[in-house]
Amino acid sequence: MTKVGEGKELPEQPSIQAYQEQLDTNAIKFMNALDGYKDGDSEEKTHFKGVMDQALGMIRSAVQEIKRPGITKQESLVETDYNAYIKNESSQNLSKLEEDLSTLRDYNKLG
């Protein structure tokens, strides 16, 4: 019988690369849900909004771990644009959200 702390090595902490992959995966998930949201009926919009909320939370947590200048500010812009779009589904708000999300993905690839 082994005691706590003996035996196996401690699990490795996720690398920055793992967080970057998490951000990109969730950004894609967000964009796909956004596409469904803008074309959906009220029931579908409720579903896709939940998916976007969850993906945005995962993006936020990944950005907090990446800690690169500019990426935190860009993630904040995406959240602001998202909230503006949900309140007013104008094409202008949609374009701004899509553009800022694309820029966030570009910042993520710089590392």
PDB file of N, CA and C in Angstrom:
ATOM      1  N   MET A   1       0.838  -1.179   0.000  1.00  0.00           N
ATOM      2  CA  MET A   1       0.000   0.000   0.000  1.00  0.00           C
ATOM      3  C   MET A   1       0.884   1.244   0.000  1.00  0.00           C
ATOM      4  N   THR A   2       0.549   2.221  -0.845  1.00  0.00           N
ATOM      5  CA  THR A   2       1.335   3.448  -0.890  1.00  0.00           C
ATOM      6  C   THR A   2       0.622   4.553  -0.136  1.00  0.00           C
ATOM      7  N   LYS A   3       1.417   5.435   0.391  1.00  0.00           N
ATOM      8  CA  LYS A   3       0.864   6.589   1.104  1.00  0.00           C
ATOM      9  C   LYS A   3       0.568   7.698   0.101  1.00  0.00           C
ATOM     10  N   VAL A   4      -0.254   8.619   0.520  1.00  0.00           N
ATOM     11  CA  VAL A   4      -0.569   9.762  -0.331  1.00  0.00           C
ATOM     12  C   VAL A   4       0.726  10.507  -0.635  1.00  0.00           C
ATOM     13  N   GLY A   5       0.930  10.803  -1.896  1.00  0.00           N
ATOM     14  CA  GLY A   5       2.123  11.540  -2.298  1.00  0.00           C
ATOM     15  C   GLY A   5       3.267  10.640  -2.716  1.00  0.00           C
ATOM     16  N   GLU A   6       3.149   9.348  -2.494  1.00  0.00           N
ATOM     17  CA  GLU A   6       4.195   8.417  -2.914  1.00  0.00           C
ATOM     18  C   GLU A   6       3.801   7.750  -4.218  1.00  0.00           C
ATOM     19  N   GLY A   7       4.766   7.258  -4.900  1.00  0.00           N
ATOM     20  CA  GLY A   7       4.449   6.486  -6.090  1.00  0.00           C
ATOM     21  C   GLY A   7       4.486   7.326  -7.345  1.00  0.00           C
ATOM     22  N   LYS A   8       3.332   7.471  -7.940  1.00  0.00           N
ATOM     23  CA  LYS A   8       3.259   8.111  -9.253  1.00  0.00           C
ATOM     24  C   LYS A   8       3.653   9.582  -9.193  1.00  0.00           C
ATOM     25  N   GLU A   9       4.126  10.052 -10.334  1.00  0.00           N
ATOM     26  CA  GLU A   9       4.495  11.463 -10.449  1.00  0.00           C
ATOM     27  C   GLU A   9       3.248  12.333 -10.438  1.00  0.00           C
ATOM     28  N   LEU A  10       3.449  13.576 -10.082  1.00  0.00           N
ATOM     29  CA  LEU A  10       2.339  14.516 -10.091  1.00  0.00           C
ATOM     30  C   LEU A  10       1.912  14.789 -11.528  1.00  0.00           C
ATOM     31  N   PRO A  11       0.637  15.022 -11.752  1.00  0.00           N
ATOM     32  CA  PRO A  11       0.203  15.344 -13.120  1.00  0.00           C
ATOM     33  C   PRO A  11       0.816  16.675 -13.566  1.00  0.00           C
ATOM     34  N   GLU A  12       1.109  16.743 -14.834  1.00  0.00           N
ATOM     35  CA  GLU A  12       1.700  17.974 -15.378  1.00  0.00           C
ATOM     36  C   GLU A  12       0.646  19.061 -15.507  1.00  0.00           C
ATOM     37  N   GLN A  13       1.076  20.283 -15.286  1.00  0.00           N
ATOM     38  CA  GLN A  13       0.193  21.423 -15.498  1.00  0.00           C
ATOM     39  C   GLN A  13       0.029  21.618 -17.009  1.00  0.00           C
ATOM     40  N   PRO A  14      -1.164  22.008 -17.444  1.00  0.00           N
ATOM     41  CA  PRO A  14      -1.339  22.251 -18.892  1.00  0.00           C
ATOM     42  C   PRO A  14      -0.374  23.336 -19.382  1.00  0.00           C
ATOM     43  N   SER A  15       0.124  23.154 -20.573  1.00  0.00           N
ATOM     44  CA  SER A  15       1.049  24.124 -21.149  1.00  0.00           C
ATOM     45  C   SER A  15       0.282  25.285 -21.779  1.00  0.00           C
ATOM     46  N   ILE A  16       1.014  26.328 -22.095  1.00  0.00           N
ATOM     47  CA  ILE A  16       0.411  27.478 -22.779  1.00  0.00           C
ATOM     48  C   ILE A  16      -0.185  26.998 -24.103  1.00  0.00           C
ATOM     49  N   GLN A  17       0.491  26.079 -24.761  1.00  0.00           N
ATOM     50  CA  GLN A  17      -0.006  25.553 -26.030  1.00  0.00           C
ATOM     51  C   GLN A  17      -1.364  24.869 -25.841  1.00  0.00           C
ATOM     52  N   ALA A  18      -1.538  24.161 -24.743  1.00  0.00           N
ATOM     53  CA  ALA A  18      -2.822  23.512 -24.472  1.00  0.00           C
ATOM     54  C   ALA A  18      -3.925  24.557 -24.285  1.00  0.00           C
ATOM     55  N   TYR A  19      -3.593  25.652 -23.612  1.00  0.00           N
ATOM     56  CA  TYR A  19      -4.575  26.723 -23.433  1.00  0.00           C
ATOM     57  C   TYR A  19      -4.894  27.407 -24.769  1.00  0.00           C
ATOM     58  N   GLN A  20      -3.881  27.551 -25.617  1.00  0.00           N
ATOM     59  CA  GLN A  20      -4.107  28.147 -26.936  1.00  0.00           C
ATOM     60  C   GLN A  20      -5.028  27.254 -27.769  1.00  0.00           C
ATOM     61  N   GLU A  21      -4.826  25.952 -27.689  1.00  0.00           N
ATOM     62  CA  GLU A  21      -5.695  25.022 -28.411  1.00  0.00           C
ATOM     63  C   GLU A  21      -7.117  25.078 -27.867  1.00  0.00           C
ATOM     64  N   GLN A  22      -7.231  25.179 -26.539  1.00  0.00           N
ATOM     65  CA  GLN A  22      -8.553  25.291 -25.908  1.00  0.00           C
ATOM     66  C   GLN A  22      -9.256  26.558 -26.373  1.00  0.00           C
ATOM     67  N   LEU A  23      -8.516  27.658 -26.440  1.00  0.00           N
ATOM     68  CA  LEU A  23      -9.108  28.920 -26.897  1.00  0.00           C
ATOM     69  C   LEU A  23      -9.597  28.774 -28.332  1.00  0.00           C
ATOM     70  N   ASP A  24      -8.774  28.217 -29.198  1.00  0.00           N
ATOM     71  CA  ASP A  24      -9.155  28.104 -30.605  1.00  0.00           C
ATOM     72  C   ASP A  24     -10.352  27.169 -30.788  1.00  0.00           C
ATOM     73  N   THR A  25     -10.349  26.045 -30.098  1.00  0.00           N
ATOM     74  CA  THR A  25     -11.461  25.100 -30.187  1.00  0.00           C
ATOM     75  C   THR A  25     -12.766  25.758 -29.757  1.00  0.00           C
ATOM     76  N   ASN A  26     -12.718  26.490 -28.656  1.00  0.00           N
ATOM     77  CA  ASN A  26     -13.929  27.132 -28.159  1.00  0.00           C
ATOM     78  C   ASN A  26     -14.335  28.336 -28.998  1.00  0.00           C
ATOM     79  N   ALA A  27     -13.375  28.995 -29.618  1.00  0.00           N
ATOM     80  CA  ALA A  27     -13.718  30.093 -30.533  1.00  0.00           C
ATOM     81  C   ALA A  27     -14.463  29.542 -31.750  1.00  0.00           C
ATOM     82  N   ILE A  28     -14.028  28.393 -32.252  1.00  0.00           N
ATOM     83  CA  ILE A  28     -14.711  27.753 -33.381  1.00  0.00           C
ATOM     84  C   ILE A  28     -16.118  27.324 -32.957  1.00  0.00           C
ATOM     85  N   LYS A  29     -16.215  26.736 -31.768  1.00  0.00           N
ATOM     86  CA  LYS A  29     -17.524  26.320 -31.248  1.00  0.00           C
ATOM     87  C   LYS A  29     -18.453  27.542 -31.123  1.00  0.00           C
ATOM     88  N   PHE A  30     -17.899  28.649 -30.645  1.00  0.00           N
ATOM     89  CA  PHE A  30     -18.670  29.884 -30.507  1.00  0.00           C
ATOM     90  C   PHE A  30     -19.160  30.369 -31.873  1.00  0.00           C
ATOM     91  N   MET A  31     -18.263  30.370 -32.860  1.00  0.00           N
ATOM     92  CA  MET A  31     -18.633  30.852 -34.194  1.00  0.00           C
ATOM     93  C   MET A  31     -19.712  29.974 -34.826  1.00  0.00           C
ATOM     94  N   ASN A  32     -19.593  28.658 -34.648  1.00  0.00           N
ATOM     95  CA  ASN A  32     -20.613  27.757 -35.191  1.00  0.00           C
ATOM     96  C   ASN A  32     -21.964  27.996 -34.529  1.00  0.00           C
ATOM     97  N   ALA A  33     -21.963  28.200 -33.208  1.00  0.00           N
ATOM     98  CA  ALA A  33     -23.204  28.475 -32.489  1.00  0.00           C
ATOM     99  C   ALA A  33     -23.773  29.833 -32.911  1.00  0.00           C
ATOM    100  N   LEU A  34     -22.896  30.787 -33.165  1.00  0.00           N
ATOM    101  CA  LEU A  34     -23.339  32.107 -33.617  1.00  0.00           C
ATOM    102  C   LEU A  34     -24.043  32.000 -34.965  1.00  0.00           C
ATOM    103  N   ASP A  35     -23.494  31.188 -35.845  1.00  0.00           N
ATOM    104  CA  ASP A  35     -24.137  30.968 -37.147  1.00  0.00           C
ATOM    105  C   ASP A  35     -25.529  30.374 -36.968  1.00  0.00           C
ATOM    106  N   GLY A  36     -25.662  29.400 -36.075  1.00  0.00           N
ATOM    107  CA  GLY A  36     -26.962  28.809 -35.802  1.00  0.00           C
ATOM    108  C   GLY A  36     -27.913  29.790 -35.141  1.00  0.00           C
ATOM    109  N   TYR A  37     -27.367  30.611 -34.264  1.00  0.00           N
ATOM    110  CA  TYR A  37     -28.179  31.589 -33.531  1.00  0.00           C
ATOM    111  C   TYR A  37     -28.811  32.611 -34.470  1.00  0.00           C
ATOM    112  N   LYS A  38     -28.005  33.150 -35.367  1.00  0.00           N
ATOM    113  CA  LYS A  38     -28.515  34.234 -36.217  1.00  0.00           C
ATOM    114  C   LYS A  38     -29.576  33.754 -37.199  1.00  0.00           C
ATOM    115  N   ASP A  39     -29.600  32.451 -37.505  1.00  0.00           N
ATOM    116  CA  ASP A  39     -30.588  31.914 -38.441  1.00  0.00           C
ATOM    117  C   ASP A  39     -31.697  31.118 -37.754  1.00  0.00           C
ATOM    118  N   GLY A  40     -31.649  31.013 -36.419  1.00  0.00           N
ATOM    119  CA  GLY A  40     -32.563  30.131 -35.711  1.00  0.00           C
ATOM    120  C   GLY A  40     -33.856  30.790 -35.261  1.00  0.00           C
ATOM    121  N   ASP A  41     -34.824  29.935 -34.908  1.00  0.00           N
ATOM    122  CA  ASP A  41     -36.055  30.428 -34.293  1.00  0.00           C
ATOM    123  C   ASP A  41     -35.781  30.633 -32.795  1.00  0.00           C
ATOM    124  N   SER A  42     -36.793  31.045 -32.049  1.00  0.00           N
ATOM    125  CA  SER A  42     -36.555  31.404 -30.651  1.00  0.00           C
ATOM    126  C   SER A  42     -36.057  30.224 -29.813  1.00  0.00           C
ATOM    127  N   GLU A  43     -36.554  29.022 -30.085  1.00  0.00           N
ATOM    128  CA  GLU A  43     -36.099  27.851 -29.332  1.00  0.00           C
ATOM    129  C   GLU A  43     -34.639  27.529 -29.662  1.00  0.00           C
ATOM    130  N   GLU A  44     -34.308  27.597 -30.941  1.00  0.00           N
ATOM    131  CA  GLU A  44     -32.921  27.343 -31.355  1.00  0.00           C
ATOM    132  C   GLU A  44     -31.991  28.423 -30.810  1.00  0.00           C
ATOM    133  N   LYS A  45     -32.452  29.663 -30.807  1.00  0.00           N
ATOM    134  CA  LYS A  45     -31.628  30.756 -30.283  1.00  0.00           C
ATOM    135  C   LYS A  45     -31.300  30.529 -28.823  1.00  0.00           C
ATOM    136  N   THR A  46     -32.266  30.034 -28.053  1.00  0.00           N
ATOM    137  CA  THR A  46     -32.019  29.753 -26.641  1.00  0.00           C
ATOM    138  C   THR A  46     -30.920  28.701 -26.499  1.00  0.00           C
ATOM    139  N   HIS A  47     -31.003  27.653 -27.308  1.00  0.00           N
ATOM    140  CA  HIS A  47     -29.986  26.598 -27.273  1.00  0.00           C
ATOM    141  C   HIS A  47     -28.615  27.161 -27.661  1.00  0.00           C
ATOM    142  N   PHE A  48     -28.546  27.857 -28.783  1.00  0.00           N
ATOM    143  CA  PHE A  48     -27.262  28.362 -29.269  1.00  0.00           C
ATOM    144  C   PHE A  48     -26.671  29.422 -28.341  1.00  0.00           C
ATOM    145  N   LYS A  49     -27.509  30.205 -27.686  1.00  0.00           N
ATOM    146  CA  LYS A  49     -27.005  31.187 -26.722  1.00  0.00           C
ATOM    147  C   LYS A  49     -26.314  30.467 -25.568  1.00  0.00           C
ATOM    148  N   GLY A  50     -26.890  29.348 -25.114  1.00  0.00           N
ATOM    149  CA  GLY A  50     -26.251  28.558 -24.062  1.00  0.00           C
ATOM    150  C   GLY A  50     -24.894  28.024 -24.484  1.00  0.00           C
ATOM    151  N   VAL A  51     -24.816  27.564 -25.726  1.00  0.00           N
ATOM    152  CA  VAL A  51     -23.537  27.068 -26.258  1.00  0.00           C
ATOM    153  C   VAL A  51     -22.523  28.210 -26.318  1.00  0.00           C
ATOM    154  N   MET A  52     -22.959  29.378 -26.788  1.00  0.00           N
ATOM    155  CA  MET A  52     -22.046  30.526 -26.879  1.00  0.00           C
ATOM    156  C   MET A  52     -21.593  30.974 -25.497  1.00  0.00           C
ATOM    157  N   ASP A  53     -22.515  31.006 -24.533  1.00  0.00           N
ATOM    158  CA  ASP A  53     -22.144  31.395 -23.163  1.00  0.00           C
ATOM    159  C   ASP A  53     -21.081  30.455 -22.603  1.00  0.00           C
ATOM    160  N   GLN A  54     -21.276  29.159 -22.806  1.00  0.00           N
ATOM    161  CA  GLN A  54     -20.327  28.165 -22.307  1.00  0.00           C
ATOM    162  C   GLN A  54     -18.974  28.312 -23.012  1.00  0.00           C
ATOM    163  N   ALA A  55     -18.986  28.461 -24.324  1.00  0.00           N
ATOM    164  CA  ALA A  55     -17.737  28.606 -25.083  1.00  0.00           C
ATOM    165  C   ALA A  55     -17.003  29.875 -24.660  1.00  0.00           C
ATOM    166  N   LEU A  56     -17.747  30.943 -24.431  1.00  0.00           N
ATOM    167  CA  LEU A  56     -17.123  32.205 -24.017  1.00  0.00           C
ATOM    168  C   LEU A  56     -16.464  32.064 -22.647  1.00  0.00           C
ATOM    169  N   GLY A  57     -17.090  31.325 -21.762  1.00  0.00           N
ATOM    170  CA  GLY A  57     -16.492  31.077 -20.452  1.00  0.00           C
ATOM    171  C   GLY A  57     -15.186  30.303 -20.569  1.00  0.00           C
ATOM    172  N   MET A  58     -15.164  29.326 -21.459  1.00  0.00           N
ATOM    173  CA  MET A  58     -13.941  28.547 -21.679  1.00  0.00           C
ATOM    174  C   MET A  58     -12.855  29.409 -22.339  1.00  0.00           C
ATOM    175  N   ILE A  59     -13.260  30.284 -23.239  1.00  0.00           N
ATOM    176  CA  ILE A  59     -12.309  31.209 -23.868  1.00  0.00           C
ATOM    177  C   ILE A  59     -11.706  32.110 -22.797  1.00  0.00           C
ATOM    178  N   ARG A  60     -12.561  32.649 -21.939  1.00  0.00           N
ATOM    179  CA  ARG A  60     -12.109  33.548 -20.877  1.00  0.00           C
ATOM    180  C   ARG A  60     -11.082  32.854 -19.976  1.00  0.00           C
ATOM    181  N   SER A  61     -11.357  31.612 -19.571  1.00  0.00           N
ATOM    182  CA  SER A  61     -10.426  30.916 -18.676  1.00  0.00           C
ATOM    183  C   SER A  61      -9.102  30.613 -19.380  1.00  0.00           C
ATOM    184  N   ALA A  62      -9.148  30.290 -20.664  1.00  0.00           N
ATOM    185  CA  ALA A  62      -7.903  30.042 -21.410  1.00  0.00           C
ATOM    186  C   ALA A  62      -7.081  31.318 -21.532  1.00  0.00           C
ATOM    187  N   VAL A  63      -7.742  32.433 -21.826  1.00  0.00           N
ATOM    188  CA  VAL A  63      -7.040  33.715 -21.967  1.00  0.00           C
ATOM    189  C   VAL A  63      -6.359  34.106 -20.655  1.00  0.00           C
ATOM    190  N   GLN A  64      -7.005  33.835 -19.531  1.00  0.00           N
ATOM    191  CA  GLN A  64      -6.412  34.162 -18.228  1.00  0.00           C
ATOM    192  C   GLN A  64      -5.125  33.382 -17.990  1.00  0.00           C
ATOM    193  N   GLU A  65      -5.012  32.205 -18.568  1.00  0.00           N
ATOM    194  CA  GLU A  65      -3.802  31.402 -18.406  1.00  0.00           C
ATOM    195  C   GLU A  65      -2.720  31.758 -19.423  1.00  0.00           C
ATOM    196  N   ILE A  66      -3.119  32.239 -20.591  1.00  0.00           N
ATOM    197  CA  ILE A  66      -2.141  32.574 -21.637  1.00  0.00           C
ATOM    198  C   ILE A  66      -1.348  33.823 -21.255  1.00  0.00           C
ATOM    199  N   LYS A  67      -2.019  34.814 -20.707  1.00  0.00           N
ATOM    200  CA  LYS A  67      -1.375  36.031 -20.172  1.00  0.00           C
ATOM    201  C   LYS A  67      -0.444  36.705 -21.171  1.00  0.00           C
ATOM    202  N   ARG A  68      -0.932  36.950 -22.356  1.00  0.00           N
ATOM    203  CA  ARG A  68      -0.144  37.645 -23.363  1.00  0.00           C
ATOM    204  C   ARG A  68      -0.702  39.051 -23.519  1.00  0.00           C
ATOM    205  N   PRO A  69       0.179  40.056 -23.669  1.00  0.00           N
ATOM    206  CA  PRO A  69      -0.321  41.426 -23.836  1.00  0.00           C
ATOM    207  C   PRO A  69      -1.281  41.529 -25.020  1.00  0.00           C
ATOM    208  N   GLY A  70      -2.387  42.199 -24.809  1.00  0.00           N
ATOM    209  CA  GLY A  70      -3.353  42.428 -25.874  1.00  0.00           C
ATOM    210  C   GLY A  70      -4.443  41.385 -25.961  1.00  0.00           C
ATOM    211  N   ILE A  71      -4.145  40.143 -25.614  1.00  0.00           N
ATOM    212  CA  ILE A  71      -5.137  39.088 -25.783  1.00  0.00           C
ATOM    213  C   ILE A  71      -6.271  39.227 -24.763  1.00  0.00           C
ATOM    214  N   THR A  72      -5.942  39.672 -23.556  1.00  0.00           N
ATOM    215  CA  THR A  72      -6.972  39.865 -22.530  1.00  0.00           C
ATOM    216  C   THR A  72      -7.913  40.986 -22.936  1.00  0.00           C
ATOM    217  N   LYS A  73      -7.349  42.068 -23.459  1.00  0.00           N
ATOM    218  CA  LYS A  73      -8.164  43.192 -23.914  1.00  0.00           C
ATOM    219  C   LYS A  73      -9.060  42.763 -25.074  1.00  0.00           C
ATOM    220  N   GLN A  74      -8.529  41.966 -25.983  1.00  0.00           N
ATOM    221  CA  GLN A  74      -9.302  41.506 -27.138  1.00  0.00           C
ATOM    222  C   GLN A  74     -10.431  40.586 -26.696  1.00  0.00           C
ATOM    223  N   GLU A  75     -10.183  39.732 -25.720  1.00  0.00           N
ATOM    224  CA  GLU A  75     -11.228  38.844 -25.201  1.00  0.00           C
ATOM    225  C   GLU A  75     -12.336  39.672 -24.563  1.00  0.00           C
ATOM    226  N   SER A  76     -11.957  40.728 -23.875  1.00  0.00           N
ATOM    227  CA  SER A  76     -12.939  41.624 -23.257  1.00  0.00           C
ATOM    228  C   SER A  76     -13.808  42.306 -24.322  1.00  0.00           C
ATOM    229  N   LEU A  77     -13.188  42.675 -25.434  1.00  0.00           N
ATOM    230  CA  LEU A  77     -13.945  43.266 -26.549  1.00  0.00           C
ATOM    231  C   LEU A  77     -14.951  42.269 -27.118  1.00  0.00           C
ATOM    232  N   VAL A  78     -14.553  41.013 -27.234  1.00  0.00           N
ATOM    233  CA  VAL A  78     -15.457  39.980 -27.736  1.00  0.00           C
ATOM    234  C   VAL A  78     -16.666  39.865 -26.809  1.00  0.00           C
ATOM    235  N   GLU A  79     -16.428  39.855 -25.509  1.00  0.00           N
ATOM    236  CA  GLU A  79     -17.537  39.764 -24.555  1.00  0.00           C
ATOM    237  C   GLU A  79     -18.466  40.965 -24.670  1.00  0.00           C
ATOM    238  N   THR A  80     -17.901  42.143 -24.790  1.00  0.00           N
ATOM    239  CA  THR A  80     -18.705  43.365 -24.930  1.00  0.00           C
ATOM    240  C   THR A  80     -19.532  43.312 -26.212  1.00  0.00           C
ATOM    241  N   ASP A  81     -18.896  42.906 -27.307  1.00  0.00           N
ATOM    242  CA  ASP A  81     -19.598  42.800 -28.595  1.00  0.00           C
ATOM    243  C   ASP A  81     -20.702  41.759 -28.534  1.00  0.00           C
ATOM    244  N   TYR A  82     -20.432  40.655 -27.869  1.00  0.00           N
ATOM    245  CA  TYR A  82     -21.416  39.582 -27.738  1.00  0.00           C
ATOM    246  C   TYR A  82     -22.649  40.087 -26.989  1.00  0.00           C
ATOM    247  N   ASN A  83     -22.425  40.757 -25.871  1.00  0.00           N
ATOM    248  CA  ASN A  83     -23.551  41.288 -25.097  1.00  0.00           C
ATOM    249  C   ASN A  83     -24.336  42.323 -25.896  1.00  0.00           C
ATOM    250  N   ALA A  84     -23.635  43.152 -26.667  1.00  0.00           N
ATOM    251  CA  ALA A  84     -24.309  44.143 -27.504  1.00  0.00           C
ATOM    252  C   ALA A  84     -25.141  43.449 -28.583  1.00  0.00           C
ATOM    253  N   TYR A  85     -24.612  42.386 -29.164  1.00  0.00           N
ATOM    254  CA  TYR A  85     -25.337  41.672 -30.212  1.00  0.00           C
ATOM    255  C   TYR A  85     -26.575  40.973 -29.655  1.00  0.00           C
ATOM    256  N   ILE A  86     -26.457  40.381 -28.483  1.00  0.00           N
ATOM    257  CA  ILE A  86     -27.604  39.700 -27.875  1.00  0.00           C
ATOM    258  C   ILE A  86     -28.724  40.709 -27.574  1.00  0.00           C
ATOM    259  N   LYS A  87     -28.349  41.906 -27.140  1.00  0.00           N
ATOM    260  CA  LYS A  87     -29.348  42.938 -26.848  1.00  0.00           C
ATOM    261  C   LYS A  87     -29.966  43.508 -28.119  1.00  0.00           C
ATOM    262  N   ASN A  88     -29.150  43.662 -29.166  1.00  0.00           N
ATOM    263  CA  ASN A  88     -29.610  44.245 -30.421  1.00  0.00           C
ATOM    264  C   ASN A  88     -28.967  43.480 -31.574  1.00  0.00           C
ATOM    265  N   GLU A  89     -29.737  42.603 -32.185  1.00  0.00           N
ATOM    266  CA  GLU A  89     -29.204  41.719 -33.222  1.00  0.00           C
ATOM    267  C   GLU A  89     -29.059  42.427 -34.573  1.00  0.00           C
ATOM    268  N   SER A  90     -28.377  43.536 -34.557  1.00  0.00           N
ATOM    269  CA  SER A  90     -28.164  44.270 -35.807  1.00  0.00           C
ATOM    270  C   SER A  90     -26.976  43.672 -36.563  1.00  0.00           C
ATOM    271  N   SER A  91     -26.960  43.905 -37.867  1.00  0.00           N
ATOM    272  CA  SER A  91     -25.849  43.396 -38.681  1.00  0.00           C
ATOM    273  C   SER A  91     -24.542  44.082 -38.296  1.00  0.00           C
ATOM    274  N   GLN A  92     -24.625  45.325 -37.838  1.00  0.00           N
ATOM    275  CA  GLN A  92     -23.424  46.051 -37.413  1.00  0.00           C
ATOM    276  C   GLN A  92     -22.819  45.381 -36.166  1.00  0.00           C
ATOM    277  N   ASN A  93     -23.671  45.053 -35.195  1.00  0.00           N
ATOM    278  CA  ASN A  93     -23.172  44.385 -33.987  1.00  0.00           C
ATOM    279  C   ASN A  93     -22.624  43.003 -34.313  1.00  0.00           C
ATOM    280  N   LEU A  94     -23.265  42.292 -35.226  1.00  0.00           N
ATOM    281  CA  LEU A  94     -22.798  40.974 -35.636  1.00  0.00           C
ATOM    282  C   LEU A  94     -21.427  41.071 -36.307  1.00  0.00           C
ATOM    283  N   SER A  95     -21.269  42.018 -37.206  1.00  0.00           N
ATOM    284  CA  SER A  95     -19.986  42.192 -37.902  1.00  0.00           C
ATOM    285  C   SER A  95     -18.862  42.502 -36.923  1.00  0.00           C
ATOM    286  N   LYS A  96     -19.134  43.375 -35.976  1.00  0.00           N
ATOM    287  CA  LYS A  96     -18.120  43.746 -34.980  1.00  0.00           C
ATOM    288  C   LYS A  96     -17.736  42.529 -34.142  1.00  0.00           C
ATOM    289  N   LEU A  97     -18.715  41.737 -33.729  1.00  0.00           N
ATOM    290  CA  LEU A  97     -18.448  40.533 -32.943  1.00  0.00           C
ATOM    291  C   LEU A  97     -17.603  39.541 -33.741  1.00  0.00           C
ATOM    292  N   GLU A  98     -17.984  39.286 -34.980  1.00  0.00           N
ATOM    293  CA  GLU A  98     -17.235  38.341 -35.814  1.00  0.00           C
ATOM    294  C   GLU A  98     -15.807  38.829 -36.059  1.00  0.00           C
ATOM    295  N   GLU A  99     -15.647  40.123 -36.295  1.00  0.00           N
ATOM    296  CA  GLU A  99     -14.326  40.692 -36.550  1.00  0.00           C
ATOM    297  C   GLU A  99     -13.438  40.589 -35.306  1.00  0.00           C
ATOM    298  N   ASP A 100     -13.990  40.943 -34.135  1.00  0.00           N
ATOM    299  CA  ASP A 100     -13.192  40.887 -32.910  1.00  0.00           C
ATOM    300  C   ASP A 100     -12.864  39.450 -32.504  1.00  0.00           C
ATOM    301  N   LEU A 101     -13.754  38.529 -32.780  1.00  0.00           N
ATOM    302  CA  LEU A 101     -13.473  37.117 -32.497  1.00  0.00           C
ATOM    303  C   LEU A 101     -12.361  36.603 -33.409  1.00  0.00           C
ATOM    304  N   SER A 102     -12.387  37.009 -34.662  1.00  0.00           N
ATOM    305  CA  SER A 102     -11.331  36.639 -35.600  1.00  0.00           C
ATOM    306  C   SER A 102      -9.987  37.221 -35.158  1.00  0.00           C
ATOM    307  N   THR A 103      -9.996  38.457 -34.679  1.00  0.00           N
ATOM    308  CA  THR A 103      -8.767  39.093 -34.199  1.00  0.00           C
ATOM    309  C   THR A 103      -8.243  38.367 -32.965  1.00  0.00           C
ATOM    310  N   LEU A 104      -9.141  37.935 -32.081  1.00  0.00           N
ATOM    311  CA  LEU A 104      -8.726  37.177 -30.903  1.00  0.00           C
ATOM    312  C   LEU A 104      -8.034  35.881 -31.323  1.00  0.00           C
ATOM    313  N   ARG A 105      -8.591  35.209 -32.313  1.00  0.00           N
ATOM    314  CA  ARG A 105      -7.963  33.976 -32.801  1.00  0.00           C
ATOM    315  C   ARG A 105      -6.576  34.279 -33.409  1.00  0.00           C
ATOM    316  N   ASP A 106      -6.463  35.403 -34.099  1.00  0.00           N
ATOM    317  CA  ASP A 106      -5.164  35.793 -34.673  1.00  0.00           C
ATOM    318  C   ASP A 106      -4.141  36.053 -33.557  1.00  0.00           C
ATOM    319  N   TYR A 107      -4.537  36.773 -32.503  1.00  0.00           N
ATOM    320  CA  TYR A 107      -3.652  37.028 -31.368  1.00  0.00           C
ATOM    321  C   TYR A 107      -3.194  35.707 -30.746  1.00  0.00           C
ATOM    322  N   ASN A 108      -4.116  34.769 -30.683  1.00  0.00           N
ATOM    323  CA  ASN A 108      -3.810  33.477 -30.089  1.00  0.00           C
ATOM    324  C   ASN A 108      -2.749  32.733 -30.886  1.00  0.00           C
ATOM    325  N   LYS A 109      -2.732  32.901 -32.196  1.00  0.00           N
ATOM    326  CA  LYS A 109      -1.778  32.194 -33.066  1.00  0.00           C
ATOM    327  C   LYS A 109      -0.380  32.818 -33.024  1.00  0.00           C
ATOM    328  N   LEU A 110      -0.275  34.046 -32.506  1.00  0.00           N
ATOM    329  CA  LEU A 110       1.019  34.731 -32.485  1.00  0.00           C
ATOM    330  C   LEU A 110       2.015  34.087 -31.531  1.00  0.00           C
ATOM    331  N   GLY A 111       1.497  33.415 -30.524  1.00  0.00           N
ATOM    332  CA  GLY A 111       2.368  32.878 -29.468  1.00  0.00           C
ATOM    333  C   GLY A 111       3.152  31.721 -29.895  1.00  0.00           C
TER     334      GLY A 111
END
